[in-house]
């Protein structure tokens, strides 16, 4: 899938790792204390990553916001089917992901 619409390098690397099922590359982009929120609810980032990478993926990237840190698109989950979603990345001062918000988009 074409990721050039994701202008932020870290977000693009994260989505690329996600799409390719590369958990090591994905994890390397996050701080040790990174937080995950799923539809506003806290989740364990490591557990989520282990369970979902390789079983979920973007079908299309429909738009980005906040300088490419917020990614919206059609998504496929082997468990939940197809739906619209967002991944919102928040970076710390060292350009590492300190927070990820995911959820269903309208």
N, C-alpha and C. Protein backbone atom coordinates (compact mmCIF):
# COMPACT_ATOMS: atom_id res chain seq x y z
N UNK A 1 0.84 -1.18 0.00
CA UNK A 1 0.00 0.00 0.00
C UNK A 1 0.88 1.24 0.00
N UNK A 2 0.44 2.25 -0.68
CA UNK A 2 1.16 3.52 -0.77
C UNK A 2 1.01 4.30 0.54
N UNK A 3 2.14 4.67 1.14
CA UNK A 3 2.13 5.40 2.41
C UNK A 3 2.66 6.82 2.29
N UNK A 4 2.86 7.31 1.07
CA UNK A 4 3.46 8.63 0.89
C UNK A 4 2.59 9.76 1.42
N UNK A 5 1.30 9.52 1.61
CA UNK A 5 0.43 10.57 2.16
C UNK A 5 0.70 10.80 3.65
N UNK A 6 1.40 9.86 4.29
CA UNK A 6 1.75 10.02 5.71
C UNK A 6 3.07 10.78 5.75
N UNK A 7 3.00 12.08 5.96
CA UNK A 7 4.18 12.95 5.86
C UNK A 7 5.12 12.83 7.05
N UNK A 8 4.62 12.48 8.22
CA UNK A 8 5.50 12.34 9.38
C UNK A 8 6.27 11.03 9.27
N UNK A 9 7.59 11.12 9.34
CA UNK A 9 8.45 9.95 9.15
C UNK A 9 8.19 8.86 10.18
N UNK A 10 8.03 9.22 11.44
CA UNK A 10 7.81 8.22 12.49
C UNK A 10 6.47 7.52 12.30
N UNK A 11 5.43 8.28 12.03
CA UNK A 11 4.11 7.68 11.79
C UNK A 11 4.15 6.77 10.56
N UNK A 12 4.84 7.20 9.50
CA UNK A 12 4.95 6.38 8.30
C UNK A 12 5.71 5.08 8.61
N UNK A 13 6.79 5.17 9.38
CA UNK A 13 7.54 3.97 9.76
C UNK A 13 6.67 3.03 10.60
N UNK A 14 5.88 3.60 11.50
CA UNK A 14 5.00 2.78 12.35
C UNK A 14 3.96 2.06 11.51
N UNK A 15 3.30 2.78 10.61
CA UNK A 15 2.28 2.15 9.76
C UNK A 15 2.93 1.12 8.84
N UNK A 16 4.11 1.40 8.33
CA UNK A 16 4.82 0.44 7.49
C UNK A 16 5.12 -0.85 8.28
N UNK A 17 5.61 -0.69 9.50
CA UNK A 17 5.90 -1.86 10.35
C UNK A 17 4.61 -2.64 10.63
N UNK A 18 3.53 -1.91 10.93
CA UNK A 18 2.23 -2.53 11.19
C UNK A 18 1.77 -3.33 9.97
N UNK A 19 1.81 -2.71 8.82
CA UNK A 19 1.34 -3.34 7.58
C UNK A 19 2.14 -4.59 7.24
N UNK A 20 3.43 -4.57 7.57
CA UNK A 20 4.31 -5.68 7.23
C UNK A 20 4.45 -6.71 8.35
N UNK A 21 3.72 -6.52 9.44
CA UNK A 21 3.76 -7.48 10.55
C UNK A 21 5.10 -7.52 11.26
N UNK A 22 5.81 -6.40 11.23
CA UNK A 22 7.15 -6.34 11.82
C UNK A 22 7.08 -5.77 13.23
N UNK A 23 6.85 -6.63 14.20
CA UNK A 23 6.65 -6.19 15.59
C UNK A 23 7.91 -5.56 16.17
N UNK A 24 9.09 -6.04 15.76
CA UNK A 24 10.33 -5.46 16.28
C UNK A 24 10.50 -4.02 15.81
N UNK A 25 10.25 -3.77 14.52
CA UNK A 25 10.33 -2.40 14.00
C UNK A 25 9.27 -1.52 14.66
N UNK A 26 8.07 -2.03 14.82
CA UNK A 26 6.98 -1.31 15.49
C UNK A 26 7.39 -0.92 16.90
N UNK A 27 7.81 -1.89 17.69
CA UNK A 27 8.17 -1.64 19.09
C UNK A 27 9.33 -0.66 19.22
N UNK A 28 10.25 -0.66 18.28
CA UNK A 28 11.43 0.21 18.37
C UNK A 28 11.08 1.69 18.26
N UNK A 29 9.89 2.00 17.80
CA UNK A 29 9.48 3.40 17.62
C UNK A 29 8.84 3.99 18.87
N UNK A 30 8.55 3.16 19.87
CA UNK A 30 7.82 3.59 21.06
C UNK A 30 8.76 3.77 22.26
N UNK A 31 8.38 4.67 23.16
CA UNK A 31 9.07 4.78 24.44
C UNK A 31 8.70 3.57 25.29
N UNK A 32 9.49 3.30 26.30
CA UNK A 32 9.18 2.16 27.19
C UNK A 32 7.88 2.38 27.94
N UNK A 33 7.54 3.63 28.20
CA UNK A 33 6.33 3.97 28.98
C UNK A 33 5.15 4.34 28.10
N UNK A 34 5.22 4.06 26.81
CA UNK A 34 4.17 4.48 25.88
C UNK A 34 2.80 3.98 26.32
N UNK A 35 1.81 4.82 26.11
CA UNK A 35 0.42 4.51 26.48
C UNK A 35 -0.40 4.26 25.23
N UNK A 36 -1.36 3.35 25.35
CA UNK A 36 -2.30 3.05 24.28
C UNK A 36 -3.71 3.28 24.78
N UNK A 37 -4.50 3.97 23.96
CA UNK A 37 -5.92 4.17 24.25
C UNK A 37 -6.73 3.70 23.06
N UNK A 38 -7.69 2.83 23.32
CA UNK A 38 -8.56 2.25 22.29
C UNK A 38 -9.96 2.79 22.53
N UNK A 39 -10.43 3.64 21.62
CA UNK A 39 -11.71 4.34 21.80
C UNK A 39 -11.77 5.01 23.17
N UNK A 40 -10.64 5.58 23.60
CA UNK A 40 -10.57 6.32 24.86
C UNK A 40 -10.25 5.47 26.08
N UNK A 41 -10.23 4.16 25.93
CA UNK A 41 -9.98 3.27 27.06
C UNK A 41 -8.53 2.80 27.06
N UNK A 42 -7.85 2.85 28.22
CA UNK A 42 -6.46 2.39 28.26
C UNK A 42 -6.35 0.90 27.98
N UNK A 43 -5.31 0.54 27.23
CA UNK A 43 -5.02 -0.87 26.92
C UNK A 43 -3.53 -1.09 27.07
N UNK A 44 -3.15 -2.33 27.20
CA UNK A 44 -1.75 -2.70 27.28
C UNK A 44 -1.17 -2.71 25.86
N UNK A 45 -0.23 -1.81 25.60
CA UNK A 45 0.33 -1.66 24.27
C UNK A 45 1.05 -2.93 23.80
N UNK A 46 1.83 -3.53 24.68
CA UNK A 46 2.58 -4.73 24.29
C UNK A 46 1.64 -5.89 23.96
N UNK A 47 0.63 -6.09 24.77
CA UNK A 47 -0.33 -7.17 24.51
C UNK A 47 -1.08 -6.91 23.21
N UNK A 48 -1.53 -5.68 23.03
CA UNK A 48 -2.22 -5.30 21.80
C UNK A 48 -1.34 -5.57 20.59
N UNK A 49 -0.09 -5.17 20.66
CA UNK A 49 0.84 -5.34 19.54
C UNK A 49 1.03 -6.82 19.21
N UNK A 50 1.26 -7.63 20.24
CA UNK A 50 1.46 -9.07 20.02
C UNK A 50 0.22 -9.73 19.40
N UNK A 51 -0.95 -9.33 19.86
CA UNK A 51 -2.18 -9.97 19.41
C UNK A 51 -2.63 -9.50 18.03
N UNK A 52 -2.33 -8.25 17.67
CA UNK A 52 -2.94 -7.66 16.47
C UNK A 52 -2.01 -7.56 15.26
N UNK A 53 -0.73 -7.35 15.49
CA UNK A 53 0.18 -7.21 14.35
C UNK A 53 0.22 -8.54 13.60
N UNK A 54 0.00 -8.45 12.32
CA UNK A 54 -0.07 -9.65 11.48
C UNK A 54 -1.49 -10.15 11.27
N UNK A 55 -2.43 -9.62 12.07
CA UNK A 55 -3.84 -10.02 11.95
C UNK A 55 -4.74 -8.84 11.63
N UNK A 56 -4.18 -7.66 11.62
CA UNK A 56 -4.94 -6.45 11.32
C UNK A 56 -4.08 -5.58 10.39
N UNK A 57 -4.76 -4.79 9.54
CA UNK A 57 -4.01 -3.94 8.62
C UNK A 57 -4.94 -2.89 8.00
N UNK A 58 -4.32 -1.81 7.58
CA UNK A 58 -5.05 -0.81 6.81
C UNK A 58 -5.27 -1.34 5.40
N UNK A 59 -6.48 -1.15 4.90
CA UNK A 59 -6.81 -1.47 3.51
C UNK A 59 -6.51 -0.25 2.66
N UNK A 60 -6.76 0.93 3.22
CA UNK A 60 -6.46 2.19 2.53
C UNK A 60 -6.17 3.26 3.57
N UNK A 61 -5.38 4.22 3.18
CA UNK A 61 -5.17 5.44 3.98
C UNK A 61 -6.01 6.51 3.30
N UNK A 62 -7.02 7.02 4.00
CA UNK A 62 -7.95 7.96 3.40
C UNK A 62 -7.58 9.41 3.65
N UNK A 63 -6.99 9.69 4.81
CA UNK A 63 -6.54 11.06 5.10
C UNK A 63 -5.59 11.04 6.27
N UNK A 64 -4.83 12.11 6.39
CA UNK A 64 -3.96 12.32 7.54
C UNK A 64 -4.19 13.73 8.06
N UNK A 65 -3.92 13.94 9.33
CA UNK A 65 -4.05 15.24 9.97
C UNK A 65 -2.88 15.43 10.92
N UNK A 66 -2.78 16.62 11.49
CA UNK A 66 -1.75 16.96 12.47
C UNK A 66 -0.35 16.61 11.96
N UNK A 67 -0.03 17.16 10.79
CA UNK A 67 1.29 16.96 10.17
C UNK A 67 1.62 15.49 9.95
N UNK A 68 0.62 14.68 9.67
CA UNK A 68 0.82 13.28 9.35
C UNK A 68 0.84 12.34 10.55
N UNK A 69 0.62 12.87 11.75
CA UNK A 69 0.62 12.03 12.94
C UNK A 69 -0.71 11.31 13.17
N UNK A 70 -1.77 11.83 12.59
CA UNK A 70 -3.09 11.21 12.73
C UNK A 70 -3.46 10.60 11.38
N UNK A 71 -3.66 9.30 11.38
CA UNK A 71 -3.88 8.53 10.15
C UNK A 71 -5.27 7.91 10.21
N UNK A 72 -6.05 8.12 9.14
CA UNK A 72 -7.41 7.59 9.05
C UNK A 72 -7.52 6.72 7.82
N UNK A 73 -8.25 5.62 7.94
CA UNK A 73 -8.45 4.80 6.75
C UNK A 73 -9.35 3.62 6.99
N UNK A 74 -9.53 2.88 5.92
CA UNK A 74 -10.28 1.62 6.00
C UNK A 74 -9.33 0.57 6.56
N UNK A 75 -9.87 -0.31 7.38
CA UNK A 75 -9.05 -1.22 8.17
C UNK A 75 -9.66 -2.61 8.12
N UNK A 76 -8.82 -3.62 8.15
CA UNK A 76 -9.29 -5.01 8.23
C UNK A 76 -8.72 -5.67 9.48
N UNK A 77 -9.59 -6.32 10.22
CA UNK A 77 -9.21 -7.13 11.38
C UNK A 77 -9.72 -8.54 11.14
N UNK A 78 -8.84 -9.53 11.31
CA UNK A 78 -9.28 -10.91 11.15
C UNK A 78 -10.40 -11.25 12.13
N UNK A 79 -10.43 -10.56 13.28
CA UNK A 79 -11.45 -10.81 14.30
C UNK A 79 -12.71 -9.99 14.09
N UNK A 80 -12.57 -8.70 13.79
CA UNK A 80 -13.70 -7.77 13.78
C UNK A 80 -14.19 -7.39 12.39
N UNK A 81 -13.52 -7.83 11.35
CA UNK A 81 -13.96 -7.49 9.99
C UNK A 81 -13.39 -6.17 9.51
N UNK A 82 -14.11 -5.50 8.62
CA UNK A 82 -13.65 -4.26 8.01
C UNK A 82 -14.41 -3.07 8.59
N UNK A 83 -13.70 -1.99 8.81
CA UNK A 83 -14.29 -0.77 9.36
C UNK A 83 -13.32 0.38 9.17
N UNK A 84 -13.79 1.59 9.41
CA UNK A 84 -12.94 2.77 9.35
C UNK A 84 -12.30 2.98 10.71
N UNK A 85 -11.03 3.38 10.70
CA UNK A 85 -10.32 3.54 11.96
C UNK A 85 -9.37 4.72 11.90
N UNK A 86 -8.82 5.05 13.05
CA UNK A 86 -7.75 6.05 13.12
C UNK A 86 -6.66 5.54 14.04
N UNK A 87 -5.45 5.94 13.74
CA UNK A 87 -4.28 5.79 14.61
C UNK A 87 -3.74 7.20 14.80
N UNK A 88 -3.68 7.66 16.04
CA UNK A 88 -3.13 8.98 16.34
C UNK A 88 -1.87 8.80 17.16
N UNK A 89 -0.75 9.21 16.58
CA UNK A 89 0.55 9.08 17.22
C UNK A 89 0.93 10.40 17.89
N UNK A 90 1.50 10.30 19.08
CA UNK A 90 2.00 11.46 19.82
C UNK A 90 3.46 11.19 20.16
N UNK A 91 4.32 12.13 19.82
CA UNK A 91 5.76 11.95 19.97
C UNK A 91 6.30 12.71 21.17
N UNK A 92 7.36 12.16 21.77
CA UNK A 92 8.05 12.88 22.84
C UNK A 92 9.16 13.74 22.23
N UNK A 93 9.94 14.38 23.06
CA UNK A 93 10.98 15.30 22.59
C UNK A 93 12.11 14.57 21.85
N UNK A 94 12.20 13.25 22.01
CA UNK A 94 13.21 12.46 21.31
C UNK A 94 12.67 11.83 20.02
N UNK A 95 11.48 12.27 19.62
CA UNK A 95 10.84 11.78 18.40
C UNK A 95 10.49 10.30 18.47
N UNK A 96 10.11 9.86 19.66
CA UNK A 96 9.62 8.49 19.85
C UNK A 96 8.15 8.57 20.23
N UNK A 97 7.41 7.54 19.90
CA UNK A 97 5.97 7.53 20.16
C UNK A 97 5.75 7.28 21.66
N UNK A 98 5.09 8.24 22.29
CA UNK A 98 4.81 8.13 23.73
C UNK A 98 3.35 7.80 24.00
N UNK A 99 2.51 7.99 22.98
CA UNK A 99 1.08 7.73 23.13
C UNK A 99 0.51 7.36 21.77
N UNK A 100 -0.36 6.37 21.76
CA UNK A 100 -1.07 5.98 20.56
C UNK A 100 -2.55 5.88 20.91
N UNK A 101 -3.36 6.59 20.16
CA UNK A 101 -4.81 6.50 20.29
C UNK A 101 -5.33 5.84 19.03
N UNK A 102 -6.15 4.80 19.22
CA UNK A 102 -6.79 4.12 18.09
C UNK A 102 -8.28 4.07 18.33
N UNK A 103 -9.04 3.88 17.28
CA UNK A 103 -10.47 3.74 17.46
C UNK A 103 -11.20 3.76 16.13
N UNK A 104 -12.48 3.55 16.21
CA UNK A 104 -13.30 3.59 15.01
C UNK A 104 -13.55 5.03 14.60
N UNK A 105 -13.41 5.28 13.32
CA UNK A 105 -13.64 6.61 12.76
C UNK A 105 -15.01 6.64 12.10
N UNK A 106 -15.55 7.82 11.97
CA UNK A 106 -16.84 8.01 11.29
C UNK A 106 -16.66 8.13 9.80
